[in-house]
Structure formats: C-alpha cells, structure tokens
Amino acid sequence: MFTVGILLRVGLMIAYRPAFLGIPDSGSYIHAAHSGLFSDPVDPIGYALFLRIVHFFTGRLFAVTLLQHALGVGTALLLFDLARFHRNAWLALLPAAVVLFNGLQLWTEHAPLSDPLFTFLCAVILSLTARERSPGIRRLALLGVTLGAATVVRSVALLLIPLIVAWLLCTMPGGIRSRALRAGLALILAVGVVGGYMELQYHQSGVFGFTESDGRVEYAVAAQFAQCTQFTPPKGTRGLCQNTPPADRGSFNQYLYGFPDGASHLPPGGRASVSPAWRLFGAMPGGNSQLGAFGRAAILHQPGAFISQVWRNFSHFWTRSASTFIDDATAVQPSVDQAAAAYYGVAPGVSRTGFGPFKEYADIVEIQGIPLLVLLCISLLALADPTAGRRAVGVLAAAMGWILLAGSSLVASDPRYALPGIGPLALAVAFGVAGICDRIAARSPSS
C-alpha cells in the first residue's frame, strides 16, 4: 500500500513540474520567505520559515514539492505505526490509506501550502502523546516544542494544547503530583514557544499576536453577521456597520482582503467598495486594534449568530466538494508564478505532460462530503473500545480530529482545513470498530 502511495506521488511529480501555483496563499508564503518572514499580515511565519530553511539547502521549488510529498507519506507512517502499536497492522491500514490516497491531500502536498507540514506535525503530536503510556522527559519536552511549532504554522493548533495536557494528566501512571509535573513540562515548553513567537512578532510589528492583522481577522469573522442594533460599536468603528441582511453579505475572505467573491477583477470603487474595513482604515494592518474591538463586541453580543456561522462553516466540510480547490490549484496564478520565479530563480510556467489522469484521480478520490461526515460520526465509536488504554487513544484521536475541524470553522471554511483532522478521525474509527468487534467476540458462545 505504501509503495503504491509513493509511486502515485512520483508520477505526479513527473507529470506536473515544479508545483501547483494556482492558490493565492502560495504566493503570500513564498513572498514572506523571500522578502521577510513577518511581511505577511495574515498568516503566522511557520510555513514561510519552513520554505526559507529548505531554500537554504537547495533553491529549487521542486525540492519543496518532493519534501512535502515525503511529509505526506511520513504522516501516513506515523498513524500506521500508532495504530499497529495499539491494535494490529490490518486496522492500521485505514488511517494510513486515507492520507496516502486522498486526492486533496495529494494536491496540497504538490503546492507551496502549509497544509502538508501542519498535517505532519499533528501526526507527530498524536504519536508523541499516545504511543507510550508513560512518555519520558525527553519525549514530553519534544511534544511541548512540537505543539508550539505547530501553532506557529497554523494558529488552530493552539486548541490542541489544553487537549493534550488534559489527556496526559488523566492517562499517565503515577500520582497526581507526578502527572502534573510531567504534563506541566509539555505545557510550559508549548506556551514558551508560542509566547516567544508572539513577543518576536510584537518587536517586529508592534502588535502582540500571531500576526499584525489579528484584529482584522476578528472583524472579517464578525462582519458576516454583525448587526449594530444589537451592540454599541467601539469608538471609531461606526463606519463598519452594515444595513445589508446577513444572508446577503460576502464571505470572510471578502471582508478580509476587500476582493469580491468569485470575481477576477476589483470593481471600479476598488477594495473600499467591497469591504468596510478597507474603506475606513485602508490596507492591512491599518486599524487593527479598532477592527479587533468591533469584531469582539459583535461576537460577545451576538453569540447565537456567531455559533450559527461556525456551524455553517463546519457543515461545509461535508456539504461542499473540494473540486473547486483542485481546479484552482492547477490553473497557474500569474502573481504566484512570478513570486516563485523570483525566489527560486526559475523561468515562469509549469510542465504538465501526462497530467490528465492525475486530475481525474483527484476529482474522484476525495475524503470530502459524505465520506468525511461518516468519519466524523463513526469516530465517536472509539468510546466503545473495551480496553481502557486503547479507548483513551481512540478518544484522543477523535477529539483531535473534531477540534481541528471545528477550530478552523471559527474563522473560515476551506476544504483543505479538514486534512489535519482526517487521519486522526480515521484512526479513531479503526479503534472504535475494533472495539465493537472485541465486544461481540467476547459475548459469542464460542468465547
């Protein structure tokens, strides 16, 4: 199975070179790696730093693609090893297979995007936490550092820190003091990495946060539902109020970037005519603190509307297909192409000889829609495992998968945000189904 997964990736690297350059985020990451790690006002620096480290050893974009495909295979190996350690090799095939053969996973590995790195780090966190019942000091220290590093790559990993610490406190052997000290080591190192990064961000931009536009992100979340009749806008933000019914408003990306949804060009009025934030405060990071105050006020005073929006984002994981993303990734964006050419010293353009079958494969083999909904639901069967130690690992995997998907839904909806949670969810499914089989076997007359 792993051989087939590797050959699939080798074939894609030969058929489409050097990488998919159709997602605007790729251009932002490459530009930040080239021009300054803190030059991206929206994303934390983790992935841009990864690109810079790879560039230090080799200035070829193809090397990034190769390494990310290796990270995909590594993710599958980690999940396979964890499931085999606690269960058996046959069950371990399930979580490995959903990573190895998911078309969307394959597509993100082939593009300069943070998803493969973050997905791998999540698998490392799960393995470090759950492979051994009593992890040693070095393992706990590495776990804490990895948790912090994952958060610097994708801020949703911040939600994993309390989950991992609580799991360690509840499952490690020994007295409460011993467990608290060991779990505390992982917590201190994770918080130390995150805090150190945020302090560095503050010295670079004057904003204490993950990026210099955290406040604008909060605004973009709230602008989709905020009704100023429900709260008093903070001073200087009255101009952000809208009379448009929430159902007719734009998306998170429209309010954040000031670009119309689905459009190829800006309207005559520019970004200011699309997003009130751009009209009132101009380009990022202008008005960051005021925008953040407005967003927090709207969320605080309209919790029901905020929860409804999060639920809609969450439901998009199984009600929408990844086909649009797959199409967009393969259509080269000039801005991304130019950024790649400048940083990696290559001629613009890509080679796509024999690429058609891989595109058809990705369109057919995707863990989205109903398959993802099935994974989410059946992962809860991990609670049915009759063995306490195995049940704890299955529950941890299910909780991680749910948290990663739900946490991403707090901000926006994108099919690739599901990828880090799919492997853990499949692991939980394997544990849950095996647990039910164990219970049935234990009650059968032959037993």
Protein backbone atom coordinates (compact mmCIF):
# COMPACT_ATOMS: atom_id res chain seq x y z
CA MET A 1 0.00 0.00 0.00
CA PHE A 2 2.79 2.43 0.87
CA THR A 3 4.59 1.52 -2.35
CA VAL A 4 1.51 2.45 -4.38
CA GLY A 5 1.15 5.71 -2.44
CA ILE A 6 4.78 6.62 -3.12
CA LEU A 7 4.52 5.72 -6.81
CA LEU A 8 1.41 7.89 -7.10
CA ARG A 9 3.38 10.85 -5.79
CA VAL A 10 6.39 10.15 -8.01
CA GLY A 11 4.09 10.02 -11.02
CA LEU A 12 2.52 13.37 -10.15
CA MET A 13 5.95 14.99 -9.70
CA ILE A 14 6.93 13.79 -13.17
CA ALA A 15 3.64 14.78 -14.80
CA TYR A 16 3.37 18.29 -13.30
CA ARG A 17 6.52 20.28 -12.52
CA PRO A 18 7.63 22.03 -10.40
CA ALA A 19 4.47 22.59 -8.29
CA PHE A 20 0.87 23.77 -8.37
CA LEU A 21 0.91 27.58 -8.46
CA GLY A 22 -2.79 28.41 -8.56
CA ILE A 23 -3.65 29.22 -4.92
CA PRO A 24 -3.02 32.85 -3.85
CA ASP A 25 -1.85 31.74 -0.40
CA SER A 26 1.15 30.11 -2.08
CA GLY A 27 2.27 33.50 -3.36
CA SER A 28 1.94 35.02 0.11
CA TYR A 29 4.05 32.26 1.67
CA ILE A 30 6.77 32.48 -0.99
CA HIS A 31 6.84 36.28 -0.77
CA ALA A 32 7.23 36.13 3.02
CA ALA A 33 10.05 33.58 2.74
CA HIS A 34 11.76 35.82 0.17
CA SER A 35 11.12 39.33 1.43
CA GLY A 36 10.68 38.99 5.19
CA LEU A 37 9.08 36.39 7.42
CA PHE A 38 6.84 38.99 9.06
CA SER A 39 5.82 40.66 5.80
CA ASP A 40 2.63 38.56 5.55
CA PRO A 41 -0.01 40.44 7.59
CA VAL A 42 -2.39 37.45 7.87
CA ASP A 43 -0.50 34.17 8.31
CA PRO A 44 1.97 33.25 11.08
CA ILE A 45 5.57 32.73 9.98
CA GLY A 46 5.89 28.97 10.49
CA TYR A 47 5.44 27.83 6.89
CA ALA A 48 7.39 30.73 5.38
CA LEU A 49 10.23 29.79 7.74
CA PHE A 50 9.98 26.19 6.50
CA LEU A 51 10.33 27.42 2.90
CA ARG A 52 13.33 29.52 3.86
CA ILE A 53 15.04 26.60 5.60
CA VAL A 54 14.53 24.38 2.55
CA HIS A 55 15.80 27.20 0.33
CA PHE A 56 18.98 27.40 2.43
CA PHE A 57 19.87 23.85 1.40
CA THR A 58 18.55 23.96 -2.15
CA GLY A 59 16.97 26.80 -4.08
CA ARG A 60 14.68 24.58 -6.13
CA LEU A 61 10.93 24.69 -5.81
CA PHE A 62 10.84 21.06 -6.92
CA ALA A 63 12.65 20.18 -3.67
CA VAL A 64 9.77 21.71 -1.67
CA THR A 65 7.30 19.54 -3.59
CA LEU A 66 9.42 16.44 -3.02
CA LEU A 67 9.79 17.14 0.70
CA GLN A 68 6.07 17.79 1.14
CA HIS A 69 5.20 14.51 -0.56
CA ALA A 70 7.63 12.86 1.85
CA LEU A 71 5.81 14.56 4.73
CA GLY A 72 2.54 13.11 3.43
CA VAL A 73 3.99 9.60 3.42
CA GLY A 74 5.52 10.28 6.84
CA THR A 75 2.13 11.29 8.20
CA ALA A 76 0.65 8.00 6.99
CA LEU A 77 3.56 6.08 8.53
CA LEU A 78 3.11 7.73 11.93
CA LEU A 79 -0.60 6.93 12.02
CA PHE A 80 0.04 3.38 10.80
CA ASP A 81 2.70 2.86 13.49
CA LEU A 82 0.46 4.21 16.27
CA ALA A 83 -2.49 2.03 15.26
CA ARG A 84 -0.28 -1.05 14.81
CA PHE A 85 1.34 -0.50 18.21
CA HIS A 86 -2.04 -0.47 19.99
CA ARG A 87 -4.04 -2.72 17.68
CA ASN A 88 -2.77 -4.60 14.59
CA ALA A 89 -1.37 -3.94 11.15
CA TRP A 90 -4.66 -4.60 9.33
CA LEU A 91 -6.53 -1.97 11.31
CA ALA A 92 -3.60 0.39 10.91
CA LEU A 93 -4.13 0.39 7.15
CA LEU A 94 -7.26 2.56 7.44
CA PRO A 95 -5.74 5.81 8.79
CA ALA A 96 -2.70 5.35 6.57
CA ALA A 97 -4.84 4.84 3.46
CA VAL A 98 -6.96 7.97 3.92
CA VAL A 99 -3.75 10.02 3.99
CA LEU A 100 -1.92 8.20 1.22
CA PHE A 101 -4.75 8.19 -1.32
CA ASN A 102 -6.89 11.25 -0.59
CA GLY A 103 -6.80 13.37 -3.74
CA LEU A 104 -6.98 16.64 -1.82
CA GLN A 105 -4.06 15.56 0.38
CA LEU A 106 -2.05 14.78 -2.75
CA TRP A 107 -2.91 18.19 -4.22
CA THR A 108 -1.84 20.22 -1.19
CA GLU A 109 1.42 18.28 -0.98
CA HIS A 110 2.12 19.41 -4.54
CA ALA A 111 1.64 23.13 -3.80
CA PRO A 112 3.54 25.63 -1.62
CA LEU A 113 0.90 25.49 1.11
CA SER A 114 1.17 24.96 4.87
CA ASP A 115 -1.23 22.00 5.00
CA PRO A 116 1.25 19.11 4.50
CA LEU A 117 3.63 20.46 7.14
CA PHE A 118 0.84 21.13 9.63
CA THR A 119 -0.79 17.75 8.99
CA PHE A 120 2.55 16.04 9.63
CA LEU A 121 3.11 17.99 12.85
CA CYS A 122 -0.36 16.98 14.08
CA ALA A 123 0.52 13.32 13.44
CA VAL A 124 3.80 13.79 15.34
CA ILE A 125 1.88 15.31 18.28
CA LEU A 126 -0.55 12.39 18.33
CA SER A 127 2.28 9.85 18.17
CA LEU A 128 4.38 11.54 20.88
CA THR A 129 1.35 11.77 23.15
CA ALA A 130 -0.23 8.36 22.77
CA ARG A 131 2.32 5.80 21.63
CA GLU A 132 3.67 5.24 25.14
CA ARG A 133 1.54 5.18 28.26
CA SER A 134 4.29 6.85 30.29
CA PRO A 135 6.34 9.10 27.99
CA GLY A 136 9.77 10.09 29.28
CA ILE A 137 11.04 13.60 29.93
CA ARG A 138 12.69 13.91 26.52
CA ARG A 139 9.53 12.76 24.77
CA LEU A 140 7.41 15.22 26.75
CA ALA A 141 9.85 18.03 26.00
CA LEU A 142 9.74 17.23 22.29
CA LEU A 143 5.95 17.11 22.50
CA GLY A 144 5.81 20.59 24.02
CA VAL A 145 8.12 22.05 21.39
CA THR A 146 6.16 20.37 18.59
CA LEU A 147 2.88 21.74 19.93
CA GLY A 148 4.38 25.23 19.93
CA ALA A 149 5.84 24.79 16.44
CA ALA A 150 2.51 23.57 15.05
CA THR A 151 0.80 26.66 16.48
CA VAL A 152 3.30 28.91 14.71
CA VAL A 153 2.45 27.12 11.44
CA ARG A 154 -1.34 27.19 11.91
CA SER A 155 -2.85 29.01 14.90
CA VAL A 156 -5.71 26.49 15.27
CA ALA A 157 -3.13 24.20 16.94
CA LEU A 158 -3.45 26.45 19.98
CA LEU A 159 -6.65 24.50 20.75
CA LEU A 160 -4.68 21.25 20.89
CA ILE A 161 -2.52 22.39 23.83
CA PRO A 162 -5.24 22.08 26.53
CA LEU A 163 -6.47 18.82 24.96
CA ILE A 164 -3.02 17.20 25.09
CA VAL A 165 -2.25 18.44 28.60
CA ALA A 166 -5.62 17.22 29.91
CA TRP A 167 -5.11 13.81 28.26
CA LEU A 168 -1.66 13.45 29.81
CA LEU A 169 -3.00 14.38 33.26
CA CYS A 170 -5.76 11.79 33.01
CA THR A 171 -3.88 8.87 31.47
CA MET A 172 -0.25 8.87 32.63
CA PRO A 173 0.52 6.49 35.52
CA GLY A 174 1.54 7.75 38.94
CA GLY A 175 0.18 10.19 41.46
CA ILE A 176 -1.42 13.49 40.59
CA ARG A 177 1.72 15.45 41.52
CA SER A 178 3.93 13.33 39.25
CA ARG A 179 1.44 13.58 36.38
CA ALA A 180 1.06 17.32 36.85
CA LEU A 181 4.81 17.89 36.77
CA ARG A 182 5.30 15.88 33.59
CA ALA A 183 2.28 17.35 31.82
CA GLY A 184 3.39 20.77 33.01
CA LEU A 185 6.71 20.33 31.22
CA ALA A 186 4.96 19.89 27.88
CA LEU A 187 2.66 22.82 28.66
CA ILE A 188 5.48 25.17 29.66
CA LEU A 189 7.51 24.42 26.55
CA ALA A 190 4.49 24.77 24.25
CA VAL A 191 3.48 28.08 25.81
CA GLY A 192 7.12 29.17 25.77
CA VAL A 193 7.45 28.62 22.03
CA VAL A 194 4.14 30.38 21.31
CA GLY A 195 4.87 33.22 23.72
CA GLY A 196 8.37 33.69 22.34
CA TYR A 197 7.00 33.88 18.81
CA MET A 198 4.33 36.40 19.79
CA GLU A 199 6.93 38.53 21.56
CA LEU A 200 9.07 38.46 18.41
CA GLN A 201 6.00 39.41 16.38
CA TYR A 202 5.46 42.35 18.74
CA HIS A 203 9.02 43.61 18.27
CA GLN A 204 8.69 43.32 14.51
CA SER A 205 5.29 44.96 14.07
CA GLY A 206 4.22 46.49 17.37
CA VAL A 207 1.27 44.06 17.54
CA PHE A 208 1.25 41.34 20.19
CA GLY A 209 -0.41 38.43 18.44
CA PHE A 210 0.14 35.78 15.80
CA THR A 211 0.19 38.38 13.01
CA GLU A 212 -0.09 42.13 12.70
CA SER A 213 -3.66 41.80 11.39
CA ASP A 214 -5.25 39.56 14.03
CA GLY A 215 -7.82 42.28 14.69
CA ARG A 216 -8.81 42.46 11.04
CA VAL A 217 -9.29 38.69 11.04
CA GLU A 218 -11.66 39.04 14.02
CA TYR A 219 -13.53 41.75 12.14
CA ALA A 220 -13.81 39.61 8.99
CA VAL A 221 -15.38 36.85 11.07
CA ALA A 222 -17.91 39.18 12.71
CA ALA A 223 -18.71 41.29 9.63
CA GLN A 224 -20.65 38.39 8.16
CA PHE A 225 -23.36 38.66 10.83
CA ALA A 226 -22.78 41.84 12.92
CA GLN A 227 -25.89 43.97 13.49
CA CYS A 228 -25.03 47.28 15.13
CA THR A 229 -28.55 47.46 16.55
CA GLN A 230 -27.50 44.62 18.89
CA PHE A 231 -24.46 46.38 20.38
CA THR A 232 -22.71 49.73 20.58
CA PRO A 233 -19.79 49.83 18.13
CA PRO A 234 -16.48 50.78 19.81
CA LYS A 235 -15.25 54.31 19.29
CA GLY A 236 -14.20 54.99 15.71
CA THR A 237 -15.85 51.89 14.23
CA ARG A 238 -19.39 53.10 13.48
CA GLY A 239 -18.47 53.17 9.79
CA LEU A 240 -18.14 49.38 9.83
CA CYS A 241 -21.86 48.90 10.42
CA GLN A 242 -23.90 47.46 7.54
CA ASN A 243 -27.59 47.51 6.72
CA THR A 244 -27.28 44.53 4.35
CA PRO A 245 -29.06 41.42 5.71
CA PRO A 246 -26.50 38.84 6.91
CA ALA A 247 -27.79 36.31 4.37
CA ASP A 248 -26.78 38.66 1.54
CA ARG A 249 -23.30 39.53 2.80
CA GLY A 250 -19.97 38.37 1.47
CA SER A 251 -17.54 35.81 2.85
CA PHE A 252 -14.74 36.01 5.38
CA ASN A 253 -12.21 36.44 2.56
CA GLN A 254 -14.19 39.29 1.00
CA TYR A 255 -14.18 41.31 4.24
CA LEU A 256 -10.56 40.46 4.99
CA TYR A 257 -8.99 41.13 1.58
CA GLY A 258 -11.54 43.50 0.05
CA PHE A 259 -11.87 41.34 -3.06
CA PRO A 260 -15.29 40.25 -4.35
CA ASP A 261 -16.12 36.56 -4.04
CA GLY A 262 -15.67 34.72 -7.33
CA ALA A 263 -14.55 37.85 -9.23
CA SER A 264 -11.43 38.13 -11.39
CA HIS A 265 -11.08 41.91 -11.05
CA LEU A 266 -11.80 44.61 -8.50
CA PRO A 267 -14.89 46.78 -9.09
CA PRO A 268 -14.44 50.45 -10.08
CA GLY A 269 -14.55 51.53 -6.42
CA GLY A 270 -11.67 49.22 -5.53
CA ARG A 271 -11.35 47.33 -2.24
CA ALA A 272 -13.00 50.16 -0.35
CA SER A 273 -16.25 49.44 -2.15
CA VAL A 274 -16.10 45.77 -1.17
CA SER A 275 -15.06 45.79 2.49
CA PRO A 276 -15.96 48.48 5.05
CA ALA A 277 -12.61 47.80 6.76
CA TRP A 278 -10.74 48.88 3.65
CA ARG A 279 -13.00 51.92 3.24
CA LEU A 280 -12.49 53.05 6.84
CA PHE A 281 -8.89 52.01 7.62
CA GLY A 282 -7.27 51.24 4.28
CA ALA A 283 -4.82 48.41 3.68
CA MET A 284 -3.55 45.99 6.30
CA PRO A 285 -2.59 46.43 9.08
CA GLY A 286 -4.44 49.74 9.29
CA GLY A 287 -6.98 49.98 12.14
CA ASN A 288 -6.03 46.56 13.53
CA SER A 289 -6.94 47.33 17.15
CA GLN A 290 -10.22 49.07 16.28
CA LEU A 291 -11.24 46.29 13.91
CA GLY A 292 -10.49 43.70 16.57
CA ALA A 293 -12.55 45.59 19.13
CA PHE A 294 -15.50 45.72 16.73
CA GLY A 295 -15.25 42.01 15.97
CA ARG A 296 -15.07 41.00 19.64
CA ALA A 297 -18.01 43.24 20.52
CA ALA A 298 -20.17 41.71 17.80
CA ILE A 299 -19.29 38.15 18.84
CA LEU A 300 -19.88 38.92 22.52
CA HIS A 301 -23.30 40.49 21.94
CA GLN A 302 -24.45 38.12 19.20
CA PRO A 303 -23.26 34.70 20.37
CA GLY A 304 -26.17 32.93 18.68
CA ALA A 305 -25.34 34.43 15.28
CA PHE A 306 -21.67 33.58 15.76
CA ILE A 307 -22.43 29.95 16.67
CA SER A 308 -24.73 29.64 13.65
CA GLN A 309 -21.97 30.91 11.40
CA VAL A 310 -19.45 28.48 12.89
CA TRP A 311 -21.91 25.65 12.32
CA ARG A 312 -22.36 26.66 8.66
CA ASN A 313 -18.60 26.71 8.19
CA PHE A 314 -18.31 23.32 9.89
CA SER A 315 -21.06 21.79 7.76
CA HIS A 316 -19.29 22.90 4.58
CA PHE A 317 -16.74 20.14 5.18
CA TRP A 318 -19.35 17.57 4.17
CA THR A 319 -21.75 19.63 2.06
CA ARG A 320 -19.20 21.05 -0.37
CA SER A 321 -16.74 19.35 -2.70
CA ALA A 322 -13.01 20.05 -2.97
CA SER A 323 -13.26 20.09 -6.78
CA THR A 324 -13.07 23.90 -6.97
CA PHE A 325 -9.85 23.94 -4.98
CA ILE A 326 -8.43 21.16 -7.17
CA ASP A 327 -9.28 23.12 -10.32
CA ASP A 328 -7.90 26.40 -8.95
CA ALA A 329 -4.63 24.83 -7.82
CA THR A 330 -3.79 23.63 -11.31
CA ALA A 331 -4.63 26.95 -13.01
CA VAL A 332 -1.43 28.97 -12.65
CA GLN A 333 -1.91 32.38 -10.99
CA PRO A 334 0.46 34.97 -12.53
CA SER A 335 1.24 36.56 -9.15
CA VAL A 336 2.16 33.19 -7.61
CA ASP A 337 4.16 32.21 -10.70
CA GLN A 338 6.12 35.47 -10.53
CA ALA A 339 6.82 35.10 -6.81
CA ALA A 340 8.09 31.55 -7.37
CA ALA A 341 10.25 32.62 -10.32
CA ALA A 342 11.81 35.44 -8.29
CA TYR A 343 12.60 33.35 -5.20
CA TYR A 344 13.65 30.12 -6.85
CA GLY A 345 15.33 31.62 -9.92
CA VAL A 346 13.32 29.66 -12.47
CA ALA A 347 11.53 30.64 -15.65
CA PRO A 348 7.79 31.25 -15.19
CA GLY A 349 5.42 28.48 -16.18
CA VAL A 350 4.92 24.81 -15.47
CA SER A 351 5.18 21.48 -17.30
CA ARG A 352 2.09 19.29 -17.28
CA THR A 353 2.81 16.42 -19.68
CA GLY A 354 0.59 13.43 -18.94
CA PHE A 355 -1.18 15.23 -16.11
CA GLY A 356 -4.78 14.40 -17.13
CA PRO A 357 -5.15 11.04 -15.32
CA PHE A 358 -3.93 12.53 -12.04
CA LYS A 359 -6.53 15.30 -12.28
CA GLU A 360 -9.25 12.72 -12.87
CA TYR A 361 -7.98 10.73 -9.90
CA ALA A 362 -8.11 13.74 -7.57
CA ASP A 363 -11.65 14.59 -8.66
CA ILE A 364 -12.84 11.05 -7.89
CA VAL A 365 -10.84 10.04 -4.80
CA GLU A 366 -11.52 12.68 -2.19
CA ILE A 367 -12.37 12.37 1.51
CA GLN A 368 -14.95 15.15 1.44
CA GLY A 369 -18.72 15.27 1.52
CA ILE A 370 -20.43 12.13 2.83
CA PRO A 371 -17.17 10.17 3.46
CA LEU A 372 -15.96 12.91 5.80
CA LEU A 373 -19.31 13.07 7.58
CA VAL A 374 -19.13 9.28 8.06
CA LEU A 375 -15.63 9.61 9.55
CA LEU A 376 -16.82 12.30 11.96
CA CYS A 377 -19.77 10.24 13.15
CA ILE A 378 -18.13 6.81 13.35
CA SER A 379 -15.07 8.24 15.12
CA LEU A 380 -17.29 8.54 18.21
CA LEU A 381 -17.34 4.73 18.35
CA ALA A 382 -13.86 4.97 19.86
CA LEU A 383 -15.73 5.23 23.17
CA ALA A 384 -16.86 1.63 22.64
CA ASP A 385 -13.37 0.09 22.91
CA PRO A 386 -13.48 -2.23 25.95
CA THR A 387 -9.78 -1.80 26.77
CA ALA A 388 -9.19 1.38 28.75
CA GLY A 389 -5.78 2.19 27.28
CA ARG A 390 -6.92 1.70 23.70
CA ARG A 391 -10.14 3.57 24.36
CA ALA A 392 -8.14 6.55 25.65
CA VAL A 393 -6.02 6.65 22.47
CA GLY A 394 -9.08 6.38 20.24
CA VAL A 395 -10.89 9.13 22.12
CA LEU A 396 -7.80 11.37 21.88
CA ALA A 397 -7.63 10.83 18.11
CA ALA A 398 -11.35 11.56 17.69
CA ALA A 399 -11.12 14.67 19.87
CA MET A 400 -8.13 15.93 17.89
CA GLY A 401 -9.95 15.44 14.59
CA TRP A 402 -13.11 17.18 15.77
CA ILE A 403 -11.17 20.06 17.35
CA LEU A 404 -9.08 20.70 14.25
CA LEU A 405 -12.15 20.86 12.01
CA ALA A 406 -14.32 22.81 14.44
CA GLY A 407 -11.46 25.14 15.36
CA SER A 408 -10.87 26.05 11.73
CA SER A 409 -14.60 26.73 11.39
CA LEU A 410 -14.34 29.50 14.00
CA VAL A 411 -12.73 31.65 11.32
CA ALA A 412 -13.48 30.36 7.83
CA SER A 413 -14.28 27.33 5.71
CA ASP A 414 -11.89 25.72 3.26
CA PRO A 415 -11.85 22.03 2.25
CA ARG A 416 -8.11 21.73 2.88
CA TYR A 417 -8.57 22.72 6.53
CA ALA A 418 -10.05 19.26 7.08
CA LEU A 419 -6.84 17.45 6.12
CA PRO A 420 -5.05 17.57 9.51
CA GLY A 421 -8.10 16.02 11.19
CA ILE A 422 -8.89 13.29 8.67
CA GLY A 423 -6.05 10.96 9.70
CA PRO A 424 -6.83 11.13 13.44
CA LEU A 425 -10.54 10.63 12.72
CA ALA A 426 -9.78 7.51 10.66
CA LEU A 427 -7.56 6.26 13.49
CA ALA A 428 -10.45 6.70 15.93
CA VAL A 429 -12.76 4.85 13.52
CA ALA A 430 -10.33 1.92 13.40
CA PHE A 431 -10.18 1.76 17.20
CA GLY A 432 -13.94 2.06 17.56
CA VAL A 433 -14.82 -0.61 15.02
CA ALA A 434 -12.21 -2.97 16.51
CA GLY A 435 -13.60 -2.33 19.98
CA ILE A 436 -17.11 -3.29 18.89
CA CYS A 437 -15.75 -6.46 17.26
CA ASP A 438 -13.96 -7.30 20.52
CA ARG A 439 -17.18 -6.88 22.48
CA ILE A 440 -19.10 -9.09 20.06
CA ALA A 441 -16.39 -11.75 20.18
CA ALA A 442 -16.35 -11.68 23.99
CA ARG A 443 -20.11 -12.32 24.12
CA SER A 444 -20.23 -15.06 21.49
CA PRO A 445 -20.92 -18.62 22.75
CA SER A 446 -17.60 -19.88 21.43
CA SER A 447 -15.76 -17.46 23.70
